[in-house]
Amino acid sequence: MLRLLSRIHLAYIGLFFIACVGVFIYEATYVWPVQRCESHGGWWSARYHQCATPMPIWRITGRRPGTPEAAHRAP
């Protein structure tokens, strides 16, 4: 009986160790990169697993906010 209990204990310890390694791998693969990216002010893409820098629209259009061209004109 003692031999059976020691095998069951070892099986539970092995399952616990595998679960801990799985949680560590999940954290290192999915959670830590997101936190690192967002702490630097970036945007995280879950689809591509990449950190991107936000780009303001005025860089694309060439019109800075507050200029007369950017103001809304009433009809």
N, C-alpha and C. Protein backbone atom coordinates (compact mmCIF):
# COMPACT_ATOMS: atom_id res chain seq x y z
N MET A 1 0.82 -1.19 0.00
CA MET A 1 0.00 0.00 0.00
C MET A 1 0.87 1.26 0.00
N LEU A 2 1.94 1.24 0.74
CA LEU A 2 2.83 2.41 0.80
C LEU A 2 3.47 2.67 -0.55
N ARG A 3 3.79 1.62 -1.28
CA ARG A 3 4.40 1.78 -2.60
C ARG A 3 3.41 2.44 -3.57
N LEU A 4 2.13 2.06 -3.50
CA LEU A 4 1.10 2.64 -4.35
C LEU A 4 0.92 4.12 -4.05
N LEU A 5 0.91 4.49 -2.78
CA LEU A 5 0.76 5.88 -2.41
C LEU A 5 1.94 6.72 -2.90
N SER A 6 3.12 6.19 -2.84
CA SER A 6 4.27 6.96 -3.30
C SER A 6 4.19 7.18 -4.82
N ARG A 7 3.68 6.21 -5.57
CA ARG A 7 3.51 6.38 -7.02
C ARG A 7 2.45 7.44 -7.32
N ILE A 8 1.37 7.43 -6.56
CA ILE A 8 0.31 8.42 -6.76
C ILE A 8 0.83 9.82 -6.40
N HIS A 9 1.59 9.89 -5.32
CA HIS A 9 2.18 11.18 -4.96
C HIS A 9 3.11 11.69 -6.06
N LEU A 10 3.92 10.81 -6.60
CA LEU A 10 4.83 11.22 -7.67
C LEU A 10 4.06 11.64 -8.92
N ALA A 11 2.95 10.97 -9.21
CA ALA A 11 2.14 11.36 -10.36
C ALA A 11 1.54 12.75 -10.16
N TYR A 12 1.03 13.03 -8.97
CA TYR A 12 0.48 14.35 -8.69
C TYR A 12 1.56 15.45 -8.72
N ILE A 13 2.72 15.14 -8.20
CA ILE A 13 3.83 16.10 -8.26
C ILE A 13 4.24 16.34 -9.70
N GLY A 14 4.27 15.30 -10.51
CA GLY A 14 4.60 15.45 -11.93
C GLY A 14 3.56 16.28 -12.66
N LEU A 15 2.27 16.03 -12.40
CA LEU A 15 1.22 16.84 -13.03
C LEU A 15 1.30 18.30 -12.59
N PHE A 16 1.59 18.51 -11.32
CA PHE A 16 1.73 19.88 -10.82
C PHE A 16 2.90 20.58 -11.50
N PHE A 17 4.01 19.90 -11.66
CA PHE A 17 5.19 20.46 -12.31
C PHE A 17 4.89 20.79 -13.78
N ILE A 18 4.21 19.91 -14.48
CA ILE A 18 3.85 20.15 -15.88
C ILE A 18 2.90 21.34 -15.99
N ALA A 19 1.95 21.45 -15.07
CA ALA A 19 1.03 22.59 -15.08
C ALA A 19 1.78 23.90 -14.81
N CYS A 20 2.72 23.89 -13.89
CA CYS A 20 3.51 25.09 -13.61
C CYS A 20 4.35 25.51 -14.81
N VAL A 21 4.94 24.55 -15.49
CA VAL A 21 5.73 24.86 -16.69
C VAL A 21 4.81 25.41 -17.79
N GLY A 22 3.62 24.84 -17.92
CA GLY A 22 2.67 25.33 -18.91
C GLY A 22 2.24 26.76 -18.65
N VAL A 23 1.98 27.09 -17.39
CA VAL A 23 1.60 28.46 -17.03
C VAL A 23 2.77 29.42 -17.30
N PHE A 24 3.97 29.01 -16.98
CA PHE A 24 5.15 29.85 -17.23
C PHE A 24 5.33 30.10 -18.72
N ILE A 25 5.18 29.09 -19.55
CA ILE A 25 5.32 29.24 -21.00
C ILE A 25 4.23 30.17 -21.54
N TYR A 26 3.00 30.01 -21.06
CA TYR A 26 1.91 30.89 -21.49
C TYR A 26 2.20 32.34 -21.13
N GLU A 27 2.65 32.58 -19.90
CA GLU A 27 2.97 33.93 -19.47
C GLU A 27 4.10 34.52 -20.31
N ALA A 28 5.14 33.72 -20.56
CA ALA A 28 6.29 34.23 -21.31
C ALA A 28 5.96 34.46 -22.77
N THR A 29 4.99 33.73 -23.31
CA THR A 29 4.66 33.85 -24.73
C THR A 29 3.59 34.89 -24.99
N TYR A 30 2.58 35.01 -24.14
CA TYR A 30 1.44 35.86 -24.43
C TYR A 30 1.29 37.06 -23.51
N VAL A 31 1.58 36.95 -22.25
CA VAL A 31 1.27 38.01 -21.30
C VAL A 31 2.42 39.01 -21.17
N TRP A 32 3.63 38.55 -20.96
CA TRP A 32 4.76 39.45 -20.75
C TRP A 32 5.06 40.34 -21.96
N PRO A 33 5.02 39.84 -23.20
CA PRO A 33 5.26 40.75 -24.32
C PRO A 33 4.20 41.85 -24.43
N VAL A 34 2.94 41.53 -24.13
CA VAL A 34 1.88 42.54 -24.17
C VAL A 34 2.15 43.61 -23.12
N GLN A 35 2.48 43.21 -21.92
CA GLN A 35 2.74 44.17 -20.85
C GLN A 35 3.96 45.03 -21.17
N ARG A 36 5.00 44.43 -21.74
CA ARG A 36 6.20 45.18 -22.09
C ARG A 36 5.90 46.20 -23.19
N CYS A 37 5.10 45.80 -24.18
CA CYS A 37 4.74 46.69 -25.28
C CYS A 37 3.90 47.85 -24.79
N GLU A 38 2.89 47.57 -24.00
CA GLU A 38 1.99 48.63 -23.53
C GLU A 38 2.66 49.54 -22.51
N SER A 39 3.66 49.06 -21.79
CA SER A 39 4.36 49.93 -20.85
C SER A 39 5.22 50.96 -21.57
N HIS A 40 5.64 50.66 -22.80
CA HIS A 40 6.43 51.60 -23.60
C HIS A 40 5.55 52.48 -24.49
N GLY A 41 4.23 52.35 -24.38
CA GLY A 41 3.32 53.19 -25.15
C GLY A 41 2.97 52.64 -26.52
N GLY A 42 3.27 51.40 -26.78
CA GLY A 42 2.96 50.81 -28.08
C GLY A 42 1.60 50.15 -28.10
N TRP A 43 1.20 49.73 -29.27
CA TRP A 43 -0.05 48.99 -29.46
C TRP A 43 0.30 47.56 -29.78
N TRP A 44 -0.34 46.61 -29.09
CA TRP A 44 -0.06 45.19 -29.28
C TRP A 44 -1.04 44.60 -30.28
N SER A 45 -0.53 43.89 -31.27
CA SER A 45 -1.35 43.19 -32.24
C SER A 45 -1.42 41.72 -31.83
N ALA A 46 -2.60 41.29 -31.39
CA ALA A 46 -2.76 39.90 -30.97
C ALA A 46 -2.70 38.96 -32.17
N ARG A 47 -3.08 39.45 -33.33
CA ARG A 47 -3.09 38.60 -34.52
C ARG A 47 -1.67 38.27 -34.98
N TYR A 48 -0.79 39.27 -34.98
CA TYR A 48 0.57 39.07 -35.48
C TYR A 48 1.60 38.95 -34.37
N HIS A 49 1.20 39.13 -33.13
CA HIS A 49 2.10 39.09 -31.98
C HIS A 49 3.26 40.06 -32.17
N GLN A 50 2.93 41.30 -32.52
CA GLN A 50 3.93 42.34 -32.71
C GLN A 50 3.52 43.60 -31.97
N CYS A 51 4.53 44.37 -31.61
CA CYS A 51 4.32 45.66 -30.96
C CYS A 51 4.49 46.74 -32.02
N ALA A 52 3.49 47.62 -32.14
CA ALA A 52 3.53 48.69 -33.14
C ALA A 52 3.49 50.04 -32.45
N THR A 53 4.07 51.03 -33.11
CA THR A 53 4.05 52.39 -32.60
C THR A 53 2.86 53.11 -33.20
N PRO A 54 2.03 53.75 -32.38
CA PRO A 54 0.88 54.47 -32.93
C PRO A 54 1.34 55.63 -33.81
N MET A 55 0.61 55.84 -34.90
CA MET A 55 0.95 56.90 -35.85
C MET A 55 -0.22 57.87 -35.95
N PRO A 56 0.00 59.14 -35.65
CA PRO A 56 -1.11 60.10 -35.73
C PRO A 56 -1.52 60.34 -37.17
N ILE A 57 -2.79 60.66 -37.36
CA ILE A 57 -3.34 60.83 -38.70
C ILE A 57 -2.71 62.02 -39.42
N TRP A 58 -2.25 63.04 -38.68
CA TRP A 58 -1.67 64.20 -39.34
C TRP A 58 -0.37 63.85 -40.05
N ARG A 59 0.29 62.79 -39.67
CA ARG A 59 1.50 62.38 -40.39
C ARG A 59 1.16 61.86 -41.78
N ILE A 60 0.00 61.25 -41.91
CA ILE A 60 -0.41 60.71 -43.21
C ILE A 60 -0.95 61.83 -44.09
N THR A 61 -1.80 62.70 -43.52
CA THR A 61 -2.44 63.74 -44.31
C THR A 61 -1.56 64.97 -44.49
N GLY A 62 -0.64 65.20 -43.60
CA GLY A 62 0.22 66.37 -43.68
C GLY A 62 -0.40 67.61 -43.06
N ARG A 63 -1.61 67.51 -42.52
CA ARG A 63 -2.27 68.66 -41.88
C ARG A 63 -2.17 68.52 -40.37
N ARG A 64 -1.54 69.46 -39.75
CA ARG A 64 -1.39 69.43 -38.30
C ARG A 64 -2.69 69.89 -37.63
N PRO A 65 -2.98 69.40 -36.44
CA PRO A 65 -4.18 69.84 -35.74
C PRO A 65 -4.10 71.32 -35.38
N GLY A 66 -5.22 72.01 -35.53
CA GLY A 66 -5.28 73.42 -35.19
C GLY A 66 -5.01 74.34 -36.36
N THR A 67 -4.66 73.81 -37.52
CA THR A 67 -4.43 74.66 -38.69
C THR A 67 -5.78 74.97 -39.34
N PRO A 68 -5.86 76.06 -40.13
CA PRO A 68 -7.13 76.42 -40.74
C PRO A 68 -7.67 75.35 -41.70
N GLU A 69 -6.80 74.60 -42.36
CA GLU A 69 -7.27 73.56 -43.28
C GLU A 69 -7.96 72.41 -42.52
N ALA A 70 -7.50 72.19 -41.30
CA ALA A 70 -8.04 71.08 -40.52
C ALA A 70 -9.34 71.45 -39.82
N ALA A 71 -9.67 72.73 -39.75
CA ALA A 71 -10.90 73.15 -39.06
C ALA A 71 -12.11 72.74 -39.89
N HIS A 72 -13.18 72.44 -39.19
CA HIS A 72 -14.42 72.03 -39.85
C HIS A 72 -15.10 73.27 -40.43
N ARG A 73 -15.48 73.20 -41.68
CA ARG A 73 -16.14 74.34 -42.31
C ARG A 73 -17.64 74.09 -42.34
N ALA A 74 -18.39 75.07 -41.90
CA ALA A 74 -19.87 74.98 -41.91
C ALA A 74 -20.38 75.35 -43.30
N PRO A 75 -21.43 74.67 -43.78
CA PRO A 75 -21.94 74.99 -45.12
C PRO A 75 -22.67 76.30 -45.19
